[in-house]
């Protein structure tokens, strides 16, 4: 994708530009009265990862019984997945 921003008037299509920035990595410079006033661009993935420790720290702590139940569920899912017949998507 070209890193040059697309310059446009955001007349009613703002949601489309936000979706394109998030999905395709496009950047847009918004114009008002012939002058650039704002930019829509994707947030870098590295920034998202830097915010992860604070997000995890803000989560409530599981009780011992909830933690045990979660561990049992995860073990069950791992067991199911180990026996699943998953096709190899790389073969034709």
PDB file of N, CA and C in Angstrom:
ATOM      1  N   UNK A   1       0.851  -1.181   0.000  1.00  0.00           N
ATOM      2  CA  UNK A   1       0.000   0.000   0.000  1.00  0.00           C
ATOM      3  C   UNK A   1       0.885   1.228   0.000  1.00  0.00           C
ATOM      4  N   UNK A   2       0.548   2.189  -0.826  1.00  0.00           N
ATOM      5  CA  UNK A   2       1.270   3.448  -0.929  1.00  0.00           C
ATOM      6  C   UNK A   2       1.120   4.220   0.379  1.00  0.00           C
ATOM      7  N   UNK A   3       2.215   4.786   0.892  1.00  0.00           N
ATOM      8  CA  UNK A   3       2.162   5.514   2.161  1.00  0.00           C
ATOM      9  C   UNK A   3       1.707   6.948   2.008  1.00  0.00           C
ATOM     10  N   UNK A   4       1.435   7.410   0.776  1.00  0.00           N
ATOM     11  CA  UNK A   4       0.962   8.765   0.571  1.00  0.00           C
ATOM     12  C   UNK A   4      -0.487   8.873   1.015  1.00  0.00           C
ATOM     13  N   UNK A   5      -0.806   9.878   1.841  1.00  0.00           N
ATOM     14  CA  UNK A   5      -2.201  10.023   2.268  1.00  0.00           C
ATOM     15  C   UNK A   5      -3.076  10.470   1.106  1.00  0.00           C
ATOM     16  N   UNK A   6      -4.324  10.083   1.176  1.00  0.00           N
ATOM     17  CA  UNK A   6      -5.317  10.524   0.220  1.00  0.00           C
ATOM     18  C   UNK A   6      -5.981  11.753   0.812  1.00  0.00           C
ATOM     19  N   UNK A   7      -6.048  12.822   0.049  1.00  0.00           N
ATOM     20  CA  UNK A   7      -6.628  14.062   0.547  1.00  0.00           C
ATOM     21  C   UNK A   7      -8.082  14.133   0.080  1.00  0.00           C
ATOM     22  N   UNK A   8      -8.994  14.396   1.029  1.00  0.00           N
ATOM     23  CA  UNK A   8     -10.410  14.384   0.676  1.00  0.00           C
ATOM     24  C   UNK A   8     -11.238  15.203   1.635  1.00  0.00           C
ATOM     25  N   UNK A   9     -12.436  15.540   1.174  1.00  0.00           N
ATOM     26  CA  UNK A   9     -13.459  16.110   2.043  1.00  0.00           C
ATOM     27  C   UNK A   9     -14.247  14.943   2.607  1.00  0.00           C
ATOM     28  N   UNK A  10     -14.493  14.943   3.907  1.00  0.00           N
ATOM     29  CA  UNK A  10     -15.149  13.805   4.568  1.00  0.00           C
ATOM     30  C   UNK A  10     -16.660  13.978   4.619  1.00  0.00           C
ATOM     31  N   UNK A  11     -17.232  14.327   3.522  1.00  0.00           N
ATOM     32  CA  UNK A  11     -18.667  14.616   3.463  1.00  0.00           C
ATOM     33  C   UNK A  11     -19.522  13.353   3.540  1.00  0.00           C
ATOM     34  N   UNK A  12     -19.763  12.882   4.774  1.00  0.00           N
ATOM     35  CA  UNK A  12     -20.664  11.759   4.972  1.00  0.00           C
ATOM     36  C   UNK A  12     -20.071  10.387   4.777  1.00  0.00           C
ATOM     37  N   UNK A  13     -18.797  10.275   4.447  1.00  0.00           N
ATOM     38  CA  UNK A  13     -18.177   8.972   4.203  1.00  0.00           C
ATOM     39  C   UNK A  13     -17.148   8.617   5.271  1.00  0.00           C
ATOM     40  N   UNK A  14     -17.225   9.248   6.408  1.00  0.00           N
ATOM     41  CA  UNK A  14     -16.214   9.062   7.447  1.00  0.00           C
ATOM     42  C   UNK A  14     -16.081   7.601   7.874  1.00  0.00           C
ATOM     43  N   UNK A  15     -17.195   6.903   8.059  1.00  0.00           N
ATOM     44  CA  UNK A  15     -17.142   5.501   8.486  1.00  0.00           C
ATOM     45  C   UNK A  15     -16.387   4.650   7.470  1.00  0.00           C
ATOM     46  N   UNK A  16     -16.586   4.929   6.189  1.00  0.00           N
ATOM     47  CA  UNK A  16     -15.873   4.181   5.138  1.00  0.00           C
ATOM     48  C   UNK A  16     -14.365   4.407   5.235  1.00  0.00           C
ATOM     49  N   UNK A  17     -13.955   5.656   5.475  1.00  0.00           N
ATOM     50  CA  UNK A  17     -12.526   5.957   5.563  1.00  0.00           C
ATOM     51  C   UNK A  17     -11.898   5.315   6.794  1.00  0.00           C
ATOM     52  N   UNK A  18     -12.633   5.297   7.895  1.00  0.00           N
ATOM     53  CA  UNK A  18     -12.125   4.645   9.107  1.00  0.00           C
ATOM     54  C   UNK A  18     -11.945   3.152   8.853  1.00  0.00           C
ATOM     55  N   UNK A  19     -12.928   2.530   8.222  1.00  0.00           N
ATOM     56  CA  UNK A  19     -12.842   1.097   7.907  1.00  0.00           C
ATOM     57  C   UNK A  19     -11.660   0.810   6.981  1.00  0.00           C
ATOM     58  N   UNK A  20     -11.458   1.647   5.969  1.00  0.00           N
ATOM     59  CA  UNK A  20     -10.335   1.440   5.045  1.00  0.00           C
ATOM     60  C   UNK A  20      -8.991   1.613   5.753  1.00  0.00           C
ATOM     61  N   UNK A  21      -8.917   2.559   6.690  1.00  0.00           N
ATOM     62  CA  UNK A  21      -7.669   2.750   7.443  1.00  0.00           C
ATOM     63  C   UNK A  21      -7.389   1.529   8.301  1.00  0.00           C
ATOM     64  N   UNK A  22      -8.419   1.030   8.980  1.00  0.00           N
ATOM     65  CA  UNK A  22      -8.248  -0.125   9.866  1.00  0.00           C
ATOM     66  C   UNK A  22      -7.968  -1.393   9.077  1.00  0.00           C
ATOM     67  N   UNK A  23      -8.659  -1.598   7.972  1.00  0.00           N
ATOM     68  CA  UNK A  23      -8.540  -2.847   7.218  1.00  0.00           C
ATOM     69  C   UNK A  23      -7.365  -2.875   6.252  1.00  0.00           C
ATOM     70  N   UNK A  24      -7.137  -1.757   5.564  1.00  0.00           N
ATOM     71  CA  UNK A  24      -6.145  -1.743   4.480  1.00  0.00           C
ATOM     72  C   UNK A  24      -4.892  -0.947   4.798  1.00  0.00           C
ATOM     73  N   UNK A  25      -4.873  -0.273   5.957  1.00  0.00           N
ATOM     74  CA  UNK A  25      -3.699   0.521   6.307  1.00  0.00           C
ATOM     75  C   UNK A  25      -3.616   1.844   5.567  1.00  0.00           C
ATOM     76  N   UNK A  26      -4.728   2.269   4.954  1.00  0.00           N
ATOM     77  CA  UNK A  26      -4.714   3.523   4.201  1.00  0.00           C
ATOM     78  C   UNK A  26      -4.701   4.712   5.155  1.00  0.00           C
ATOM     79  N   UNK A  27      -4.160   5.832   4.658  1.00  0.00           N
ATOM     80  CA  UNK A  27      -4.139   7.083   5.407  1.00  0.00           C
ATOM     81  C   UNK A  27      -4.913   8.125   4.626  1.00  0.00           C
ATOM     82  N   UNK A  28      -5.630   8.987   5.359  1.00  0.00           N
ATOM     83  CA  UNK A  28      -6.420  10.024   4.724  1.00  0.00           C
ATOM     84  C   UNK A  28      -6.171  11.352   5.427  1.00  0.00           C
ATOM     85  N   UNK A  29      -6.014  12.415   4.657  1.00  0.00           N
ATOM     86  CA  UNK A  29      -5.950  13.758   5.200  1.00  0.00           C
ATOM     87  C   UNK A  29      -7.286  14.417   4.915  1.00  0.00           C
ATOM     88  N   UNK A  30      -7.940  14.888   5.963  1.00  0.00           N
ATOM     89  CA  UNK A  30      -9.248  15.513   5.807  1.00  0.00           C
ATOM     90  C   UNK A  30      -9.080  17.008   5.572  1.00  0.00           C
ATOM     91  N   UNK A  31      -9.846  17.510   4.630  1.00  0.00           N
ATOM     92  CA  UNK A  31      -9.759  18.905   4.215  1.00  0.00           C
ATOM     93  C   UNK A  31     -11.042  19.624   4.625  1.00  0.00           C
ATOM     94  N   UNK A  32     -10.886  20.819   5.154  1.00  0.00           N
ATOM     95  CA  UNK A  32     -12.039  21.658   5.458  1.00  0.00           C
ATOM     96  C   UNK A  32     -11.710  23.078   5.005  1.00  0.00           C
ATOM     97  N   UNK A  33     -12.551  23.615   4.172  1.00  0.00           N
ATOM     98  CA  UNK A  33     -12.289  24.960   3.653  1.00  0.00           C
ATOM     99  C   UNK A  33     -11.000  25.038   2.870  1.00  0.00           C
ATOM    100  N   UNK A  34     -10.643  23.948   2.201  1.00  0.00           N
ATOM    101  CA  UNK A  34      -9.432  23.930   1.379  1.00  0.00           C
ATOM    102  C   UNK A  34      -8.141  23.724   2.165  1.00  0.00           C
ATOM    103  N   UNK A  35      -8.244  23.514   3.478  1.00  0.00           N
ATOM    104  CA  UNK A  35      -7.039  23.342   4.295  1.00  0.00           C
ATOM    105  C   UNK A  35      -7.074  22.003   5.014  1.00  0.00           C
ATOM    106  N   UNK A  36      -5.922  21.326   5.143  1.00  0.00           N
ATOM    107  CA  UNK A  36      -5.875  20.072   5.902  1.00  0.00           C
ATOM    108  C   UNK A  36      -6.149  20.344   7.380  1.00  0.00           C
ATOM    109  N   UNK A  37      -7.057  19.533   7.974  1.00  0.00           N
ATOM    110  CA  UNK A  37      -7.414  19.756   9.379  1.00  0.00           C
ATOM    111  C   UNK A  37      -7.241  18.521  10.252  1.00  0.00           C
ATOM    112  N   UNK A  38      -7.212  17.336   9.644  1.00  0.00           N
ATOM    113  CA  UNK A  38      -7.102  16.119  10.445  1.00  0.00           C
ATOM    114  C   UNK A  38      -6.584  14.994   9.565  1.00  0.00           C
ATOM    115  N   UNK A  39      -6.173  13.921  10.243  1.00  0.00           N
ATOM    116  CA  UNK A  39      -5.684  12.747   9.530  1.00  0.00           C
ATOM    117  C   UNK A  39      -6.330  11.503  10.123  1.00  0.00           C
ATOM    118  N   UNK A  40      -6.711  10.592   9.247  1.00  0.00           N
ATOM    119  CA  UNK A  40      -7.183   9.276   9.661  1.00  0.00           C
ATOM    120  C   UNK A  40      -6.108   8.294   9.218  1.00  0.00           C
ATOM    121  N   UNK A  41      -5.601   7.517  10.166  1.00  0.00           N
ATOM    122  CA  UNK A  41      -4.560   6.541   9.838  1.00  0.00           C
ATOM    123  C   UNK A  41      -4.663   5.367  10.806  1.00  0.00           C
ATOM    124  N   UNK A  42      -4.150   4.223  10.407  1.00  0.00           N
ATOM    125  CA  UNK A  42      -4.191   3.085  11.326  1.00  0.00           C
ATOM    126  C   UNK A  42      -3.226   3.287  12.486  1.00  0.00           C
ATOM    127  N   UNK A  43      -3.578   2.718  13.626  1.00  0.00           N
ATOM    128  CA  UNK A  43      -2.670   2.720  14.777  1.00  0.00           C
ATOM    129  C   UNK A  43      -1.685   1.580  14.569  1.00  0.00           C
ATOM    130  N   UNK A  44      -0.429   1.832  14.827  1.00  0.00           N
ATOM    131  CA  UNK A  44       0.584   0.803  14.611  1.00  0.00           C
ATOM    132  C   UNK A  44       0.362  -0.381  15.533  1.00  0.00           C
ATOM    133  N   UNK A  45       0.673  -1.560  15.059  1.00  0.00           N
ATOM    134  CA  UNK A  45       0.522  -2.769  15.864  1.00  0.00           C
ATOM    135  C   UNK A  45       1.438  -2.741  17.077  1.00  0.00           C
ATOM    136  N   UNK A  46       2.613  -2.138  16.944  1.00  0.00           N
ATOM    137  CA  UNK A  46       3.523  -2.083  18.090  1.00  0.00           C
ATOM    138  C   UNK A  46       2.917  -1.256  19.211  1.00  0.00           C
ATOM    139  N   UNK A  47       2.167  -0.214  18.868  1.00  0.00           N
ATOM    140  CA  UNK A  47       1.518   0.590  19.903  1.00  0.00           C
ATOM    141  C   UNK A  47       0.480  -0.247  20.635  1.00  0.00           C
ATOM    142  N   UNK A  48      -0.274  -1.048  19.881  1.00  0.00           N
ATOM    143  CA  UNK A  48      -1.282  -1.902  20.501  1.00  0.00           C
ATOM    144  C   UNK A  48      -0.625  -2.867  21.480  1.00  0.00           C
ATOM    145  N   UNK A  49       0.518  -3.442  21.109  1.00  0.00           N
ATOM    146  CA  UNK A  49       1.191  -4.397  21.986  1.00  0.00           C
ATOM    147  C   UNK A  49       1.754  -3.709  23.222  1.00  0.00           C
ATOM    148  N   UNK A  50       2.180  -2.472  23.104  1.00  0.00           N
ATOM    149  CA  UNK A  50       2.687  -1.745  24.277  1.00  0.00           C
ATOM    150  C   UNK A  50       1.579  -1.528  25.295  1.00  0.00           C
ATOM    151  N   UNK A  51       0.331  -1.440  24.844  1.00  0.00           N
ATOM    152  CA  UNK A  51      -0.794  -1.206  25.745  1.00  0.00           C
ATOM    153  C   UNK A  51      -1.270  -2.497  26.416  1.00  0.00           C
ATOM    154  N   UNK A  52      -0.809  -3.646  25.944  1.00  0.00           N
ATOM    155  CA  UNK A  52      -1.275  -4.927  26.456  1.00  0.00           C
ATOM    156  C   UNK A  52      -0.999  -5.131  27.948  1.00  0.00           C
ATOM    157  N   UNK A  53       0.194  -4.851  28.478  1.00  0.00           N
ATOM    158  CA  UNK A  53       0.418  -5.074  29.914  1.00  0.00           C
ATOM    159  C   UNK A  53      -0.559  -4.296  30.797  1.00  0.00           C
ATOM    160  N   UNK A  54      -0.847  -3.040  30.448  1.00  0.00           N
ATOM    161  CA  UNK A  54      -1.792  -2.250  31.244  1.00  0.00           C
ATOM    162  C   UNK A  54      -3.197  -2.838  31.149  1.00  0.00           C
ATOM    163  N   UNK A  55      -3.559  -3.307  29.958  1.00  0.00           N
ATOM    164  CA  UNK A  55      -4.875  -3.923  29.787  1.00  0.00           C
ATOM    165  C   UNK A  55      -4.993  -5.178  30.643  1.00  0.00           C
ATOM    166  N   UNK A  56      -3.975  -6.022  30.593  1.00  0.00           N
ATOM    167  CA  UNK A  56      -3.998  -7.256  31.388  1.00  0.00           C
ATOM    168  C   UNK A  56      -4.029  -6.951  32.885  1.00  0.00           C
ATOM    169  N   UNK A  57      -3.291  -5.938  33.305  1.00  0.00           N
ATOM    170  CA  UNK A  57      -3.260  -5.574  34.734  1.00  0.00           C
ATOM    171  C   UNK A  57      -4.616  -5.064  35.205  1.00  0.00           C
ATOM    172  N   UNK A  58      -5.416  -4.518  34.287  1.00  0.00           N
ATOM    173  CA  UNK A  58      -6.720  -3.975  34.677  1.00  0.00           C
ATOM    174  C   UNK A  58      -7.809  -5.042  34.779  1.00  0.00           C
ATOM    175  N   UNK A  59      -7.534  -6.254  34.319  1.00  0.00           N
ATOM    176  CA  UNK A  59      -8.536  -7.318  34.370  1.00  0.00           C
ATOM    177  C   UNK A  59      -8.710  -7.823  35.799  1.00  0.00           C
ATOM    178  N   UNK A  60      -9.925  -8.215  36.160  1.00  0.00           N
ATOM    179  CA  UNK A  60     -10.118  -8.742  37.518  1.00  0.00           C
ATOM    180  C   UNK A  60      -9.407 -10.086  37.686  1.00  0.00           C
ATOM    181  N   UNK A  61      -8.994 -10.347  38.913  1.00  0.00           N
ATOM    182  CA  UNK A  61      -8.301 -11.602  39.208  1.00  0.00           C
ATOM    183  C   UNK A  61      -9.321 -12.727  39.346  1.00  0.00           C
ATOM    184  N   UNK A  62      -9.008 -13.889  38.783  1.00  0.00           N
ATOM    185  CA  UNK A  62      -9.907 -15.039  38.891  1.00  0.00           C
ATOM    186  C   UNK A  62      -9.826 -15.643  40.284  1.00  0.00           C
ATOM    187  N   UNK A  63     -10.961 -16.103  40.757  1.00  0.00           N
ATOM    188  CA  UNK A  63     -10.965 -16.826  42.035  1.00  0.00           C
ATOM    189  C   UNK A  63     -10.298 -18.180  41.812  1.00  0.00           C
ATOM    190  N   UNK A  64      -9.841 -18.851  42.859  1.00  0.00           N
ATOM    191  CA  UNK A  64      -9.219 -20.172  42.678  1.00  0.00           C
ATOM    192  C   UNK A  64     -10.140 -21.160  41.961  1.00  0.00           C
ATOM    193  N   UNK A  65     -11.434 -21.149  42.279  1.00  0.00           N
ATOM    194  CA  UNK A  65     -12.340 -22.098  41.617  1.00  0.00           C
ATOM    195  C   UNK A  65     -12.533 -21.734  40.139  1.00  0.00           C
ATOM    196  N   UNK A  66     -12.633 -20.426  39.814  1.00  0.00           N
ATOM    197  CA  UNK A  66     -12.749 -20.014  38.413  1.00  0.00           C
ATOM    198  C   UNK A  66     -11.476 -20.346  37.636  1.00  0.00           C
ATOM    199  N   UNK A  67     -10.338 -20.157  38.285  1.00  0.00           N
ATOM    200  CA  UNK A  67      -9.068 -20.475  37.643  1.00  0.00           C
ATOM    201  C   UNK A  67      -8.963 -21.967  37.347  1.00  0.00           C
ATOM    202  N   UNK A  68      -9.386 -22.783  38.299  1.00  0.00           N
ATOM    203  CA  UNK A  68      -9.369 -24.236  38.109  1.00  0.00           C
ATOM    204  C   UNK A  68     -10.306 -24.642  36.967  1.00  0.00           C
ATOM    205  N   UNK A  69     -11.487 -24.032  36.911  1.00  0.00           N
ATOM    206  CA  UNK A  69     -12.444 -24.334  35.857  1.00  0.00           C
ATOM    207  C   UNK A  69     -11.884 -23.921  34.489  1.00  0.00           C
ATOM    208  N   UNK A  70     -11.251 -22.755  34.417  1.00  0.00           N
ATOM    209  CA  UNK A  70     -10.642 -22.297  33.173  1.00  0.00           C
ATOM    210  C   UNK A  70      -9.560 -23.272  32.721  1.00  0.00           C
ATOM    211  N   UNK A  71      -8.705 -23.718  33.651  1.00  0.00           N
ATOM    212  CA  UNK A  71      -7.647 -24.668  33.308  1.00  0.00           C
ATOM    213  C   UNK A  71      -8.220 -25.982  32.788  1.00  0.00           C
ATOM    214  N   UNK A  72      -9.305 -26.457  33.404  1.00  0.00           N
ATOM    215  CA  UNK A  72      -9.957 -27.690  32.924  1.00  0.00           C
ATOM    216  C   UNK A  72     -10.517 -27.494  31.518  1.00  0.00           C
ATOM    217  N   UNK A  73     -11.165 -26.351  31.293  1.00  0.00           N
ATOM    218  CA  UNK A  73     -11.725 -26.064  29.965  1.00  0.00           C
ATOM    219  C   UNK A  73     -10.630 -26.005  28.907  1.00  0.00           C
ATOM    220  N   UNK A  74      -9.538 -25.312  29.221  1.00  0.00           N
ATOM    221  CA  UNK A  74      -8.431 -25.212  28.261  1.00  0.00           C
ATOM    222  C   UNK A  74      -7.833 -26.580  27.962  1.00  0.00           C
ATOM    223  N   UNK A  75      -7.658 -27.397  28.987  1.00  0.00           N
ATOM    224  CA  UNK A  75      -7.123 -28.744  28.773  1.00  0.00           C
ATOM    225  C   UNK A  75      -8.066 -29.559  27.894  1.00  0.00           C
ATOM    226  N   UNK A  76      -9.352 -29.422  28.116  1.00  0.00           N
ATOM    227  CA  UNK A  76     -10.340 -30.138  27.314  1.00  0.00           C
ATOM    228  C   UNK A  76     -10.281 -29.686  25.857  1.00  0.00           C
ATOM    229  N   UNK A  77     -10.195 -28.369  25.626  1.00  0.00           N
ATOM    230  CA  UNK A  77     -10.126 -27.847  24.256  1.00  0.00           C
ATOM    231  C   UNK A  77      -8.852 -28.305  23.562  1.00  0.00           C
ATOM    232  N   UNK A  78      -7.728 -28.278  24.296  1.00  0.00           N
ATOM    233  CA  UNK A  78      -6.463 -28.745  23.699  1.00  0.00           C
ATOM    234  C   UNK A  78      -6.569 -30.208  23.294  1.00  0.00           C
ATOM    235  N   UNK A  79      -7.190 -31.012  24.154  1.00  0.00           N
ATOM    236  CA  UNK A  79      -7.363 -32.434  23.854  1.00  0.00           C
ATOM    237  C   UNK A  79      -8.234 -32.615  22.617  1.00  0.00           C
ATOM    238  N   UNK A  80      -9.345 -31.882  22.534  1.00  0.00           N
ATOM    239  CA  UNK A  80     -10.225 -31.971  21.366  1.00  0.00           C
ATOM    240  C   UNK A  80      -9.485 -31.576  20.100  1.00  0.00           C
ATOM    241  N   UNK A  81      -8.725 -30.492  20.173  1.00  0.00           N
ATOM    242  CA  UNK A  81      -7.998 -30.025  18.990  1.00  0.00           C
ATOM    243  C   UNK A  81      -6.909 -31.004  18.562  1.00  0.00           C
ATOM    244  N   UNK A  82      -6.303 -31.695  19.517  1.00  0.00           N
ATOM    245  CA  UNK A  82      -5.234 -32.636  19.156  1.00  0.00           C
ATOM    246  C   UNK A  82      -5.784 -33.828  18.386  1.00  0.00           C
ATOM    247  N   UNK A  83      -7.084 -34.105  18.524  1.00  0.00           N
ATOM    248  CA  UNK A  83      -7.711 -35.227  17.819  1.00  0.00           C
ATOM    249  C   UNK A  83      -8.511 -34.774  16.599  1.00  0.00           C
ATOM    250  N   UNK A  84      -8.573 -33.474  16.361  1.00  0.00           N
ATOM    251  CA  UNK A  84      -9.374 -32.954  15.250  1.00  0.00           C
ATOM    252  C   UNK A  84      -8.690 -33.241  13.920  1.00  0.00           C
ATOM    253  N   UNK A  85      -9.500 -33.541  12.929  1.00  0.00           N
ATOM    254  CA  UNK A  85      -8.999 -33.754  11.578  1.00  0.00           C
ATOM    255  C   UNK A  85      -9.026 -32.408  10.859  1.00  0.00           C
ATOM    256  N   UNK A  86      -7.911 -31.706  10.930  1.00  0.00           N
ATOM    257  CA  UNK A  86      -7.817 -30.378  10.331  1.00  0.00           C
ATOM    258  C   UNK A  86      -7.100 -30.499   8.994  1.00  0.00           C
ATOM    259  N   UNK A  87      -7.769 -30.097   7.892  1.00  0.00           N
ATOM    260  CA  UNK A  87      -7.107 -30.202   6.585  1.00  0.00           C
ATOM    261  C   UNK A  87      -5.942 -29.230   6.463  1.00  0.00           C
ATOM    262  N   UNK A  88      -4.947 -29.649   5.727  1.00  0.00           N
ATOM    263  CA  UNK A  88      -3.789 -28.791   5.465  1.00  0.00           C
ATOM    264  C   UNK A  88      -4.175 -27.817   4.362  1.00  0.00           C
ATOM    265  N   UNK A  89      -4.275 -26.539   4.714  1.00  0.00           N
ATOM    266  CA  UNK A  89      -4.697 -25.521   3.740  1.00  0.00           C
ATOM    267  C   UNK A  89      -3.617 -25.216   2.709  1.00  0.00           C
ATOM    268  N   UNK A  90      -2.418 -25.721   2.905  1.00  0.00           N
ATOM    269  CA  UNK A  90      -1.330 -25.416   1.981  1.00  0.00           C
ATOM    270  C   UNK A  90      -1.226 -26.427   0.851  1.00  0.00           C
ATOM    271  N   UNK A  91      -1.939 -27.523   0.964  1.00  0.00           N
ATOM    272  CA  UNK A  91      -1.906 -28.492  -0.132  1.00  0.00           C
ATOM    273  C   UNK A  91      -3.059 -28.217  -1.074  1.00  0.00           C
ATOM    274  N   UNK A  92      -2.867 -28.538  -2.351  1.00  0.00           N
ATOM    275  CA  UNK A  92      -3.941 -28.259  -3.307  1.00  0.00           C
ATOM    276  C   UNK A  92      -4.615 -29.528  -3.753  1.00  0.00           C
TER     277      UNK A  92
END
